[in-house]
Amino acid sequence: MRYEKYWVKSIKNDLINLTEEEFDELEMSLDAILNSPNSKTKRIKGWKYNIRRIRFGNHRLLIYVDEITLTVYVLAFLPRKESYSEETRKTILSLVSKIKG
């Protein structure tokens, strides 16, 4: 089954400095995993929920895979070192809590 993708509004700030070519490559990487996102991405250890990462050079695309609605929520695009900080963790978990309702 193919999952739907949904970009959260707050990711716009993360994508501002990307060129159109880089964004297209990012979009293609994301589209490539929509058939089976859990097997084609890595889960972030120690985090609640099904938050996963996609490697994109020195950056990470953080996603939340909702198995119930078959939706992949694109949460953040951050440099590798910032992706796993405590501040980022709190922000991402807050976003997912709002998504889950």
C-alpha atoms as a PDB file:
ATOM      1  CA  MET A   1       0.000   0.000   0.000  1.00  0.00           C
ATOM      2  CA  ARG A   2       1.216   3.466  -0.800  1.00  0.00           C
ATOM      3  CA  TYR A   3       1.290   5.993   2.027  1.00  0.00           C
ATOM      4  CA  GLU A   4       0.192   9.591   1.618  1.00  0.00           C
ATOM      5  CA  LYS A   5       2.673  12.316   2.501  1.00  0.00           C
ATOM      6  CA  TYR A   6       1.920  15.452   4.419  1.00  0.00           C
ATOM      7  CA  TRP A   7       4.347  18.337   4.994  1.00  0.00           C
ATOM      8  CA  VAL A   8       3.823  20.086   8.350  1.00  0.00           C
ATOM      9  CA  LYS A   9       3.797  23.872   8.092  1.00  0.00           C
ATOM     10  CA  SER A  10       6.805  24.404  10.346  1.00  0.00           C
ATOM     11  CA  ILE A  11       9.155  22.634   7.905  1.00  0.00           C
ATOM     12  CA  LYS A  12       9.071  25.640   5.562  1.00  0.00           C
ATOM     13  CA  ASN A  13      11.723  27.334   7.709  1.00  0.00           C
ATOM     14  CA  ASP A  14      14.026  24.318   7.346  1.00  0.00           C
ATOM     15  CA  LEU A  15      13.740  24.296   3.550  1.00  0.00           C
ATOM     16  CA  ILE A  16      14.333  28.006   2.854  1.00  0.00           C
ATOM     17  CA  ASN A  17      18.003  27.640   1.903  1.00  0.00           C
ATOM     18  CA  LEU A  18      17.532  24.663  -0.421  1.00  0.00           C
ATOM     19  CA  THR A  19      17.900  25.145  -4.147  1.00  0.00           C
ATOM     20  CA  GLU A  20      15.155  23.889  -6.415  1.00  0.00           C
ATOM     21  CA  GLU A  21      17.374  20.965  -7.477  1.00  0.00           C
ATOM     22  CA  GLU A  22      18.047  19.988  -3.858  1.00  0.00           C
ATOM     23  CA  PHE A  23      14.348  20.176  -3.033  1.00  0.00           C
ATOM     24  CA  ASP A  24      13.503  18.012  -6.058  1.00  0.00           C
ATOM     25  CA  GLU A  25      16.072  15.431  -4.932  1.00  0.00           C
ATOM     26  CA  LEU A  26      14.607  15.502  -1.430  1.00  0.00           C
ATOM     27  CA  GLU A  27      11.117  15.054  -2.844  1.00  0.00           C
ATOM     28  CA  MET A  28      12.251  12.080  -4.959  1.00  0.00           C
ATOM     29  CA  SER A  29      13.910  10.465  -1.912  1.00  0.00           C
ATOM     30  CA  LEU A  30      10.695  10.858   0.035  1.00  0.00           C
ATOM     31  CA  ASP A  31       8.520   9.537  -2.799  1.00  0.00           C
ATOM     32  CA  ALA A  32      10.765   6.478  -3.079  1.00  0.00           C
ATOM     33  CA  ILE A  33       9.927   5.328   0.442  1.00  0.00           C
ATOM     34  CA  LEU A  34       6.143   5.818   0.342  1.00  0.00           C
ATOM     35  CA  ASN A  35       5.419   2.192  -0.573  1.00  0.00           C
ATOM     36  CA  SER A  36       7.074   0.869   2.600  1.00  0.00           C
ATOM     37  CA  PRO A  37       8.427   3.652   4.798  1.00  0.00           C
ATOM     38  CA  ASN A  38       9.205   1.435   7.778  1.00  0.00           C
ATOM     39  CA  SER A  39      11.542  -0.850   5.847  1.00  0.00           C
ATOM     40  CA  LYS A  40      13.302   1.906   3.884  1.00  0.00           C
ATOM     41  CA  THR A  41      14.051   4.272   6.760  1.00  0.00           C
ATOM     42  CA  LYS A  42      15.691   4.023  10.166  1.00  0.00           C
ATOM     43  CA  ARG A  43      13.817   4.520  13.408  1.00  0.00           C
ATOM     44  CA  ILE A  44      15.361   7.000  15.808  1.00  0.00           C
ATOM     45  CA  LYS A  45      16.285   4.975  18.885  1.00  0.00           C
ATOM     46  CA  GLY A  46      14.918   6.089  22.221  1.00  0.00           C
ATOM     47  CA  TRP A  47      12.191   8.331  20.783  1.00  0.00           C
ATOM     48  CA  LYS A  48       8.483   7.733  21.327  1.00  0.00           C
ATOM     49  CA  TYR A  49       6.198   7.022  18.415  1.00  0.00           C
ATOM     50  CA  ASN A  50       7.318   5.879  14.973  1.00  0.00           C
ATOM     51  CA  ILE A  51       9.672   8.759  14.202  1.00  0.00           C
ATOM     52  CA  ARG A  52      12.135   7.880  11.489  1.00  0.00           C
ATOM     53  CA  ARG A  53      14.965   9.510   9.560  1.00  0.00           C
ATOM     54  CA  ILE A  54      16.120   9.699   5.968  1.00  0.00           C
ATOM     55  CA  ARG A  55      19.736  10.551   5.309  1.00  0.00           C
ATOM     56  CA  PHE A  56      20.307  13.415   2.900  1.00  0.00           C
ATOM     57  CA  GLY A  57      24.017  14.247   2.875  1.00  0.00           C
ATOM     58  CA  ASN A  58      24.861  15.962   6.167  1.00  0.00           C
ATOM     59  CA  HIS A  59      21.175  16.553   6.852  1.00  0.00           C
ATOM     60  CA  ARG A  60      18.361  14.363   8.106  1.00  0.00           C
ATOM     61  CA  LEU A  61      14.736  14.425   7.065  1.00  0.00           C
ATOM     62  CA  LEU A  62      12.656  13.505  10.118  1.00  0.00           C
ATOM     63  CA  ILE A  63       9.323  11.855   9.458  1.00  0.00           C
ATOM     64  CA  TYR A  64       6.498  10.329  11.465  1.00  0.00           C
ATOM     65  CA  VAL A  65       4.851   7.242   9.990  1.00  0.00           C
ATOM     66  CA  ASP A  66       1.211   6.847  11.028  1.00  0.00           C
ATOM     67  CA  GLU A  67       0.233   3.218  10.480  1.00  0.00           C
ATOM     68  CA  ILE A  68      -3.468   3.846  11.104  1.00  0.00           C
ATOM     69  CA  THR A  69      -4.043   6.553   8.492  1.00  0.00           C
ATOM     70  CA  LEU A  70      -1.217   5.364   6.189  1.00  0.00           C
ATOM     71  CA  THR A  71       0.323   8.819   6.210  1.00  0.00           C
ATOM     72  CA  VAL A  72       3.949   9.938   6.333  1.00  0.00           C
ATOM     73  CA  TYR A  73       4.262  13.313   8.046  1.00  0.00           C
ATOM     74  CA  VAL A  74       7.383  15.246   7.047  1.00  0.00           C
ATOM     75  CA  LEU A  75       8.406  17.019  10.259  1.00  0.00           C
ATOM     76  CA  ALA A  76      11.864  18.567   9.885  1.00  0.00           C
ATOM     77  CA  PHE A  77      14.932  18.853   7.669  1.00  0.00           C
ATOM     78  CA  LEU A  78      17.947  19.571   9.849  1.00  0.00           C
ATOM     79  CA  PRO A  79      21.719  19.266   9.939  1.00  0.00           C
ATOM     80  CA  ARG A  80      22.731  15.888  11.377  1.00  0.00           C
ATOM     81  CA  LYS A  81      24.033  17.248  14.681  1.00  0.00           C
ATOM     82  CA  GLU A  82      20.872  19.272  15.344  1.00  0.00           C
ATOM     83  CA  SER A  83      18.569  16.390  14.418  1.00  0.00           C
ATOM     84  CA  TYR A  84      19.116  14.490  17.645  1.00  0.00           C
ATOM     85  CA  SER A  85      19.381  17.339  20.176  1.00  0.00           C
ATOM     86  CA  GLU A  86      17.087  17.464  23.190  1.00  0.00           C
ATOM     87  CA  GLU A  87      15.461  20.677  21.894  1.00  0.00           C
ATOM     88  CA  THR A  88      14.690  19.047  18.538  1.00  0.00           C
ATOM     89  CA  ARG A  89      13.373  15.959  20.294  1.00  0.00           C
ATOM     90  CA  LYS A  90      10.927  18.043  22.357  1.00  0.00           C
ATOM     91  CA  THR A  91       9.771  19.966  19.264  1.00  0.00           C
ATOM     92  CA  ILE A  92       9.257  16.820  17.191  1.00  0.00           C
ATOM     93  CA  LEU A  93       7.420  14.970  19.965  1.00  0.00           C
ATOM     94  CA  SER A  94       5.184  18.009  20.432  1.00  0.00           C
ATOM     95  CA  LEU A  95       4.354  18.029  16.708  1.00  0.00           C
ATOM     96  CA  VAL A  96       3.533  14.328  16.734  1.00  0.00           C
ATOM     97  CA  SER A  97       1.344  14.719  19.820  1.00  0.00           C
ATOM     98  CA  LYS A  98      -0.687  17.358  17.959  1.00  0.00           C
ATOM     99  CA  ILE A  99      -0.955  15.107  14.897  1.00  0.00           C
ATOM    100  CA  LYS A 100      -2.157  12.162  16.984  1.00  0.00           C
ATOM    101  CA  GLY A 101      -4.761  14.405  18.591  1.00  0.00           C
END
